[in-house]
């Protein structure tokens, strides 16, 4: 299933749960406090577009 990207306050939100933040030129998924997946969700890092 393709992830639903939602633009929010300059950041991209994944399924309204994971927010995308720019860190050292990388996009890092950060879990929000509203999710029930406590430590079950690994941190994914993707190459950032120039």
C-alpha atoms as a PDB file:
ATOM      1  CA  UNK A   1       0.000   0.000   0.000  1.00  0.00           C
ATOM      2  CA  UNK A   2       1.402   3.395  -0.972  1.00  0.00           C
ATOM      3  CA  UNK A   3       2.027   5.746   1.985  1.00  0.00           C
ATOM      4  CA  UNK A   4      -0.190   8.816   2.215  1.00  0.00           C
ATOM      5  CA  UNK A   5       1.871  11.976   2.304  1.00  0.00           C
ATOM      6  CA  UNK A   6       0.280  15.040   3.857  1.00  0.00           C
ATOM      7  CA  UNK A   7       1.924  18.476   3.839  1.00  0.00           C
ATOM      8  CA  UNK A   8       1.724  20.049   7.287  1.00  0.00           C
ATOM      9  CA  UNK A   9       3.467  23.169   8.595  1.00  0.00           C
ATOM     10  CA  UNK A  10       6.362  22.836   6.162  1.00  0.00           C
ATOM     11  CA  UNK A  11       6.821  19.201   7.164  1.00  0.00           C
ATOM     12  CA  UNK A  12       5.475  16.086   5.478  1.00  0.00           C
ATOM     13  CA  UNK A  13       3.307  13.820   7.581  1.00  0.00           C
ATOM     14  CA  UNK A  14       3.102  10.078   6.973  1.00  0.00           C
ATOM     15  CA  UNK A  15      -0.350   8.666   7.646  1.00  0.00           C
ATOM     16  CA  UNK A  16      -0.826  11.617  10.031  1.00  0.00           C
ATOM     17  CA  UNK A  17       1.377   9.747  12.489  1.00  0.00           C
ATOM     18  CA  UNK A  18       4.975   9.957  11.312  1.00  0.00           C
ATOM     19  CA  UNK A  19       6.388  13.357  10.553  1.00  0.00           C
ATOM     20  CA  UNK A  20       9.335  14.006   8.258  1.00  0.00           C
ATOM     21  CA  UNK A  21      12.126  16.204   9.525  1.00  0.00           C
ATOM     22  CA  UNK A  22      15.264  17.391   7.706  1.00  0.00           C
ATOM     23  CA  UNK A  23      18.412  16.222   9.521  1.00  0.00           C
ATOM     24  CA  UNK A  24      21.867  16.718   8.023  1.00  0.00           C
ATOM     25  CA  UNK A  25      20.457  16.466   4.496  1.00  0.00           C
ATOM     26  CA  UNK A  26      18.465  13.337   5.282  1.00  0.00           C
ATOM     27  CA  UNK A  27      14.764  12.725   5.710  1.00  0.00           C
ATOM     28  CA  UNK A  28      14.155  11.009   9.019  1.00  0.00           C
ATOM     29  CA  UNK A  29      10.872   9.517  10.111  1.00  0.00           C
ATOM     30  CA  UNK A  30       9.979  10.558  13.644  1.00  0.00           C
ATOM     31  CA  UNK A  31       7.119   8.938  15.477  1.00  0.00           C
ATOM     32  CA  UNK A  32       4.477  11.202  16.931  1.00  0.00           C
ATOM     33  CA  UNK A  33       3.140  10.842  20.452  1.00  0.00           C
ATOM     34  CA  UNK A  34      -0.298   9.972  19.100  1.00  0.00           C
ATOM     35  CA  UNK A  35       0.820   6.616  17.740  1.00  0.00           C
ATOM     36  CA  UNK A  36       0.286   3.357  19.594  1.00  0.00           C
ATOM     37  CA  UNK A  37       3.338   1.774  17.980  1.00  0.00           C
ATOM     38  CA  UNK A  38       5.738   2.568  20.798  1.00  0.00           C
ATOM     39  CA  UNK A  39       9.054   0.921  19.959  1.00  0.00           C
ATOM     40  CA  UNK A  40       7.769  -1.358  17.224  1.00  0.00           C
ATOM     41  CA  UNK A  41       8.465   1.222  14.513  1.00  0.00           C
ATOM     42  CA  UNK A  42      12.111   1.440  13.349  1.00  0.00           C
ATOM     43  CA  UNK A  43      13.616   4.758  12.247  1.00  0.00           C
ATOM     44  CA  UNK A  44      13.783   4.975   8.459  1.00  0.00           C
ATOM     45  CA  UNK A  45      16.300   7.216   6.724  1.00  0.00           C
ATOM     46  CA  UNK A  46      15.987   8.112   3.062  1.00  0.00           C
ATOM     47  CA  UNK A  47      18.262  10.066   0.743  1.00  0.00           C
ATOM     48  CA  UNK A  48      17.066  13.642   0.634  1.00  0.00           C
ATOM     49  CA  UNK A  49      16.429  15.288  -2.709  1.00  0.00           C
ATOM     50  CA  UNK A  50      18.902  18.113  -3.468  1.00  0.00           C
END
